[in-house]
Amino acid sequence: PEASRPGVSVTVTDDDKANKAALVVSKSMLSLAEADGTDTYTVTLNTRPTGNVTVTPTSADTSVATVSPASLIFTTDNWSVPKTFTVTGINDDIVNPNGGRGGKISHTASGGGYDN
């Protein structure tokens, strides 16, 4: 007869909240010309907020690129309607050895259950 094999029972407790409030960004990468080249991306909320949510973008290096408008507001009625940010490349008159420069845009959200 086959020997009994001991087993281990494992339960993993899910630590993710259902419908966790998060921003949905349409693009993860943009490519723009240095001299006032522009590109856009949109942002929405992934769940209906409890009140107004203000989304504020921040360029890590405004000598590389700027982003506008300074903030957008989502309401309980328009939370799933995409809103547009515009990113503009900044001319620096420097020859870059790798042919370009990089930057990062981060976002903060406040209000309506979206406080980071």
N, C-alpha and C. Protein backbone atom coordinates (compact mmCIF):
# COMPACT_ATOMS: atom_id res chain seq x y z
N PRO A 1 0.82 -1.19 0.00
CA PRO A 1 0.00 0.00 0.00
C PRO A 1 0.87 1.26 0.00
N GLU A 2 0.30 2.31 -0.60
CA GLU A 2 1.01 3.58 -0.69
C GLU A 2 1.01 4.27 0.67
N ALA A 3 2.16 4.90 1.00
CA ALA A 3 2.28 5.58 2.28
C ALA A 3 1.47 6.87 2.25
N SER A 4 0.95 7.24 3.37
CA SER A 4 0.20 8.49 3.49
C SER A 4 1.16 9.67 3.34
N ARG A 5 0.77 10.63 2.52
CA ARG A 5 1.60 11.82 2.31
C ARG A 5 1.02 12.99 3.07
N PRO A 6 1.81 13.55 3.97
CA PRO A 6 1.29 14.69 4.72
C PRO A 6 1.12 15.90 3.80
N GLY A 7 0.14 16.70 4.04
CA GLY A 7 -0.12 17.89 3.23
C GLY A 7 -0.16 19.14 4.10
N VAL A 8 -0.08 20.23 3.45
CA VAL A 8 -0.16 21.51 4.14
C VAL A 8 -1.30 22.28 3.50
N SER A 9 -2.22 22.74 4.29
CA SER A 9 -3.32 23.54 3.80
C SER A 9 -2.93 25.01 3.92
N VAL A 10 -3.10 25.75 2.83
CA VAL A 10 -2.71 27.16 2.82
C VAL A 10 -3.90 28.03 2.47
N THR A 11 -4.10 29.10 3.21
CA THR A 11 -5.11 30.10 2.90
C THR A 11 -4.41 31.44 2.77
N VAL A 12 -4.58 32.08 1.62
CA VAL A 12 -4.01 33.41 1.40
C VAL A 12 -5.13 34.42 1.54
N THR A 13 -4.97 35.35 2.44
CA THR A 13 -5.97 36.37 2.67
C THR A 13 -5.71 37.54 1.73
N ASP A 14 -6.70 37.88 0.95
CA ASP A 14 -6.59 38.96 -0.03
C ASP A 14 -6.52 40.30 0.70
N ASP A 15 -5.47 41.09 0.39
CA ASP A 15 -5.34 42.40 1.03
C ASP A 15 -5.74 43.53 0.09
N ASP A 16 -6.23 43.19 -1.10
CA ASP A 16 -6.67 44.21 -2.05
C ASP A 16 -8.12 44.58 -1.78
N LYS A 17 -8.39 45.85 -1.76
CA LYS A 17 -9.75 46.32 -1.57
C LYS A 17 -10.50 46.23 -2.89
N ALA A 18 -11.72 45.77 -2.84
CA ALA A 18 -12.55 45.82 -4.03
C ALA A 18 -12.81 47.27 -4.37
N ASN A 19 -12.76 47.59 -5.63
CA ASN A 19 -13.02 48.95 -6.10
C ASN A 19 -12.11 49.99 -5.45
N LYS A 20 -10.85 49.63 -5.24
CA LYS A 20 -9.88 50.57 -4.68
C LYS A 20 -9.78 51.78 -5.60
N ALA A 21 -9.87 52.97 -5.03
CA ALA A 21 -9.83 54.20 -5.80
C ALA A 21 -8.49 54.36 -6.49
N ALA A 22 -8.53 54.58 -7.80
CA ALA A 22 -7.30 54.76 -8.57
C ALA A 22 -7.56 55.61 -9.81
N LEU A 23 -6.49 56.25 -10.29
CA LEU A 23 -6.57 56.99 -11.54
C LEU A 23 -6.30 56.04 -12.70
N VAL A 24 -6.97 56.28 -13.81
CA VAL A 24 -6.73 55.51 -15.04
C VAL A 24 -6.14 56.49 -16.04
N VAL A 25 -4.88 56.24 -16.44
CA VAL A 25 -4.16 57.12 -17.36
C VAL A 25 -4.08 56.43 -18.71
N SER A 26 -4.42 57.16 -19.80
CA SER A 26 -4.54 56.54 -21.12
C SER A 26 -3.21 56.15 -21.76
N LYS A 27 -2.12 56.82 -21.42
CA LYS A 27 -0.82 56.53 -22.03
C LYS A 27 0.25 56.46 -20.95
N SER A 28 1.23 55.57 -21.16
CA SER A 28 2.33 55.49 -20.21
C SER A 28 3.59 56.13 -20.76
N MET A 29 3.58 56.51 -22.05
CA MET A 29 4.74 57.14 -22.66
C MET A 29 4.29 58.13 -23.73
N LEU A 30 4.98 59.27 -23.77
CA LEU A 30 4.73 60.29 -24.78
C LEU A 30 6.05 60.59 -25.48
N SER A 31 5.98 61.04 -26.71
CA SER A 31 7.16 61.46 -27.45
C SER A 31 6.85 62.81 -28.08
N LEU A 32 7.66 63.83 -27.75
CA LEU A 32 7.40 65.17 -28.26
C LEU A 32 8.65 65.82 -28.79
N ALA A 33 8.44 66.77 -29.68
CA ALA A 33 9.55 67.58 -30.17
C ALA A 33 9.97 68.55 -29.07
N GLU A 34 11.25 68.86 -29.04
CA GLU A 34 11.77 69.74 -27.99
C GLU A 34 11.19 71.15 -28.07
N ALA A 35 11.11 71.69 -29.25
CA ALA A 35 10.68 73.09 -29.41
C ALA A 35 9.16 73.18 -29.45
N ASP A 36 8.55 73.20 -28.30
CA ASP A 36 7.10 73.37 -28.16
C ASP A 36 6.27 72.25 -28.78
N GLY A 37 6.85 71.06 -28.93
CA GLY A 37 6.07 69.91 -29.37
C GLY A 37 5.08 69.54 -28.28
N THR A 38 3.91 69.06 -28.65
CA THR A 38 2.92 68.69 -27.64
C THR A 38 2.36 67.30 -27.90
N ASP A 39 1.86 66.72 -26.86
CA ASP A 39 1.11 65.47 -26.93
C ASP A 39 0.11 65.52 -25.79
N THR A 40 -0.90 64.69 -25.87
CA THR A 40 -1.94 64.67 -24.84
C THR A 40 -2.15 63.27 -24.32
N TYR A 41 -2.74 63.20 -23.14
CA TYR A 41 -3.21 61.94 -22.56
C TYR A 41 -4.44 62.26 -21.74
N THR A 42 -5.23 61.24 -21.47
CA THR A 42 -6.43 61.45 -20.68
C THR A 42 -6.35 60.71 -19.35
N VAL A 43 -7.17 61.17 -18.43
CA VAL A 43 -7.27 60.57 -17.10
C VAL A 43 -8.75 60.40 -16.78
N THR A 44 -9.10 59.29 -16.16
CA THR A 44 -10.43 59.08 -15.60
C THR A 44 -10.24 58.46 -14.21
N LEU A 45 -11.33 58.32 -13.50
CA LEU A 45 -11.32 57.62 -12.22
C LEU A 45 -11.85 56.21 -12.45
N ASN A 46 -11.40 55.24 -11.65
CA ASN A 46 -11.86 53.87 -11.85
C ASN A 46 -13.14 53.53 -11.09
N THR A 47 -13.52 54.37 -10.13
CA THR A 47 -14.76 54.15 -9.40
C THR A 47 -15.42 55.51 -9.12
N ARG A 48 -16.72 55.47 -8.92
CA ARG A 48 -17.46 56.71 -8.62
C ARG A 48 -16.97 57.26 -7.28
N PRO A 49 -16.57 58.54 -7.25
CA PRO A 49 -16.10 59.14 -6.00
C PRO A 49 -17.28 59.52 -5.10
N THR A 50 -16.97 59.82 -3.86
CA THR A 50 -18.01 60.25 -2.92
C THR A 50 -18.24 61.75 -2.98
N GLY A 51 -17.38 62.46 -3.70
CA GLY A 51 -17.48 63.91 -3.87
C GLY A 51 -16.51 64.34 -4.96
N ASN A 52 -16.26 65.62 -5.07
CA ASN A 52 -15.34 66.11 -6.10
C ASN A 52 -13.92 65.60 -5.85
N VAL A 53 -13.24 65.23 -6.97
CA VAL A 53 -11.86 64.77 -6.92
C VAL A 53 -11.02 65.71 -7.79
N THR A 54 -9.98 66.28 -7.21
CA THR A 54 -9.06 67.14 -7.95
C THR A 54 -7.81 66.33 -8.29
N VAL A 55 -7.49 66.26 -9.59
CA VAL A 55 -6.29 65.56 -10.05
C VAL A 55 -5.28 66.62 -10.48
N THR A 56 -4.09 66.56 -9.89
CA THR A 56 -3.05 67.54 -10.15
C THR A 56 -1.81 66.84 -10.71
N PRO A 57 -1.38 67.23 -11.93
CA PRO A 57 -0.16 66.64 -12.49
C PRO A 57 1.07 67.44 -12.05
N THR A 58 2.21 66.77 -11.96
CA THR A 58 3.46 67.44 -11.63
C THR A 58 4.55 66.92 -12.55
N SER A 59 5.21 67.84 -13.27
CA SER A 59 6.36 67.47 -14.09
C SER A 59 7.58 67.42 -13.19
N ALA A 60 8.32 66.30 -13.24
CA ALA A 60 9.52 66.16 -12.40
C ALA A 60 10.61 67.14 -12.80
N ASP A 61 10.59 67.59 -14.06
CA ASP A 61 11.60 68.54 -14.53
C ASP A 61 10.95 69.47 -15.55
N THR A 62 10.58 70.66 -15.10
CA THR A 62 9.90 71.61 -15.99
C THR A 62 10.83 72.23 -17.01
N SER A 63 12.14 71.92 -16.96
CA SER A 63 13.03 72.35 -18.03
C SER A 63 12.98 71.37 -19.21
N VAL A 64 12.33 70.23 -19.00
CA VAL A 64 12.15 69.22 -20.05
C VAL A 64 10.74 69.32 -20.63
N ALA A 65 9.74 69.33 -19.77
CA ALA A 65 8.35 69.37 -20.22
C ALA A 65 7.46 69.97 -19.15
N THR A 66 6.40 70.62 -19.61
CA THR A 66 5.38 71.13 -18.70
C THR A 66 4.06 70.44 -19.02
N VAL A 67 3.15 70.48 -18.08
CA VAL A 67 1.85 69.85 -18.27
C VAL A 67 0.75 70.83 -17.87
N SER A 68 -0.32 70.84 -18.65
CA SER A 68 -1.45 71.73 -18.36
C SER A 68 -2.76 71.02 -18.69
N PRO A 69 -3.84 71.42 -18.06
CA PRO A 69 -3.96 72.48 -17.05
C PRO A 69 -3.32 72.05 -15.73
N ALA A 70 -3.29 72.99 -14.79
CA ALA A 70 -2.68 72.74 -13.49
C ALA A 70 -3.43 71.68 -12.70
N SER A 71 -4.72 71.53 -12.95
CA SER A 71 -5.52 70.48 -12.29
C SER A 71 -6.82 70.30 -13.05
N LEU A 72 -7.44 69.16 -12.82
CA LEU A 72 -8.76 68.84 -13.37
C LEU A 72 -9.65 68.35 -12.24
N ILE A 73 -10.93 68.62 -12.34
CA ILE A 73 -11.86 68.19 -11.29
C ILE A 73 -12.87 67.21 -11.86
N PHE A 74 -13.00 66.06 -11.18
CA PHE A 74 -14.01 65.06 -11.50
C PHE A 74 -15.10 65.14 -10.45
N THR A 75 -16.33 64.91 -10.88
CA THR A 75 -17.48 64.92 -9.96
C THR A 75 -18.10 63.53 -9.93
N THR A 76 -19.13 63.38 -9.11
CA THR A 76 -19.83 62.10 -9.05
C THR A 76 -20.58 61.82 -10.35
N ASP A 77 -20.80 62.84 -11.16
CA ASP A 77 -21.49 62.67 -12.44
C ASP A 77 -20.55 62.41 -13.62
N ASN A 78 -19.33 62.98 -13.60
CA ASN A 78 -18.44 62.85 -14.77
C ASN A 78 -17.17 62.05 -14.49
N TRP A 79 -17.13 61.27 -13.44
CA TRP A 79 -15.93 60.55 -13.00
C TRP A 79 -15.37 59.61 -14.05
N SER A 80 -16.20 59.09 -14.95
CA SER A 80 -15.73 58.12 -15.95
C SER A 80 -15.52 58.75 -17.33
N VAL A 81 -15.73 60.06 -17.44
CA VAL A 81 -15.53 60.76 -18.71
C VAL A 81 -14.08 61.22 -18.79
N PRO A 82 -13.33 60.80 -19.82
CA PRO A 82 -11.91 61.18 -19.91
C PRO A 82 -11.72 62.69 -19.97
N LYS A 83 -10.72 63.16 -19.21
CA LYS A 83 -10.31 64.57 -19.22
C LYS A 83 -8.86 64.62 -19.69
N THR A 84 -8.53 65.67 -20.44
CA THR A 84 -7.25 65.73 -21.13
C THR A 84 -6.22 66.64 -20.48
N PHE A 85 -4.98 66.12 -20.36
CA PHE A 85 -3.82 66.91 -20.00
C PHE A 85 -2.96 67.05 -21.26
N THR A 86 -2.32 68.21 -21.42
CA THR A 86 -1.42 68.46 -22.54
C THR A 86 0.00 68.63 -22.01
N VAL A 87 0.93 67.91 -22.62
CA VAL A 87 2.34 68.00 -22.24
C VAL A 87 3.08 68.73 -23.36
N THR A 88 3.90 69.71 -22.97
CA THR A 88 4.64 70.53 -23.94
C THR A 88 6.14 70.40 -23.69
N GLY A 89 6.89 70.09 -24.76
CA GLY A 89 8.34 70.00 -24.68
C GLY A 89 8.96 71.38 -24.60
N ILE A 90 10.05 71.51 -23.84
CA ILE A 90 10.72 72.79 -23.63
C ILE A 90 12.06 72.78 -24.38
N ASN A 91 12.29 73.81 -25.18
CA ASN A 91 13.53 73.94 -25.93
C ASN A 91 14.64 74.43 -25.01
N ASP A 92 15.82 73.77 -25.07
CA ASP A 92 16.92 74.18 -24.19
C ASP A 92 18.19 74.60 -24.92
N ASP A 93 18.23 74.54 -26.25
CA ASP A 93 19.40 74.95 -27.06
C ASP A 93 20.67 74.18 -26.70
N ILE A 94 20.54 72.98 -26.14
CA ILE A 94 21.68 72.13 -25.81
C ILE A 94 21.61 70.88 -26.67
N VAL A 95 22.75 70.49 -27.25
CA VAL A 95 22.81 69.24 -28.01
C VAL A 95 22.91 68.10 -27.01
N ASN A 96 21.90 67.27 -26.96
CA ASN A 96 21.88 66.16 -26.01
C ASN A 96 22.58 64.94 -26.61
N PRO A 97 23.53 64.35 -25.89
CA PRO A 97 24.33 63.26 -26.44
C PRO A 97 23.52 62.04 -26.88
N ASN A 98 22.42 61.78 -26.24
CA ASN A 98 21.60 60.61 -26.60
C ASN A 98 20.43 60.99 -27.50
N GLY A 99 20.44 62.22 -28.01
CA GLY A 99 19.40 62.64 -28.93
C GLY A 99 18.12 63.12 -28.29
N GLY A 100 18.02 63.08 -26.99
CA GLY A 100 16.80 63.53 -26.34
C GLY A 100 16.94 63.57 -24.84
N ARG A 101 15.90 64.02 -24.20
CA ARG A 101 15.85 64.09 -22.75
C ARG A 101 14.58 63.40 -22.29
N GLY A 102 14.58 62.96 -21.06
CA GLY A 102 13.40 62.30 -20.52
C GLY A 102 12.89 63.01 -19.29
N GLY A 103 11.66 62.78 -19.00
CA GLY A 103 11.06 63.35 -17.81
C GLY A 103 9.93 62.46 -17.33
N LYS A 104 9.37 62.80 -16.21
CA LYS A 104 8.28 62.02 -15.64
C LYS A 104 7.20 62.96 -15.15
N ILE A 105 5.97 62.55 -15.35
CA ILE A 105 4.83 63.31 -14.84
C ILE A 105 4.12 62.41 -13.84
N SER A 106 3.95 62.91 -12.63
CA SER A 106 3.21 62.17 -11.61
C SER A 106 1.90 62.90 -11.35
N HIS A 107 0.99 62.22 -10.67
CA HIS A 107 -0.33 62.79 -10.40
C HIS A 107 -0.69 62.58 -8.94
N THR A 108 -1.35 63.57 -8.37
CA THR A 108 -1.96 63.41 -7.06
C THR A 108 -3.45 63.61 -7.21
N ALA A 109 -4.20 62.94 -6.38
CA ALA A 109 -5.65 63.07 -6.38
C ALA A 109 -6.10 63.38 -4.96
N SER A 110 -7.07 64.26 -4.83
CA SER A 110 -7.56 64.59 -3.50
C SER A 110 -9.07 64.79 -3.53
N GLY A 111 -9.70 64.35 -2.45
CA GLY A 111 -11.14 64.48 -2.31
C GLY A 111 -11.90 63.27 -2.80
N GLY A 112 -13.11 63.14 -2.38
CA GLY A 112 -14.02 62.11 -2.87
C GLY A 112 -13.58 60.68 -2.64
N GLY A 113 -12.70 60.44 -1.65
CA GLY A 113 -12.20 59.11 -1.39
C GLY A 113 -10.97 58.77 -2.20
N TYR A 114 -10.40 59.72 -2.89
CA TYR A 114 -9.21 59.50 -3.73
C TYR A 114 -7.96 60.13 -3.13
N ASP A 115 -7.95 60.48 -1.88
CA ASP A 115 -6.77 61.11 -1.29
C ASP A 115 -5.61 60.13 -1.28
N ASN A 116 -4.43 60.57 -1.82
CA ASN A 116 -3.28 59.67 -1.81
C ASN A 116 -2.53 59.82 -0.51
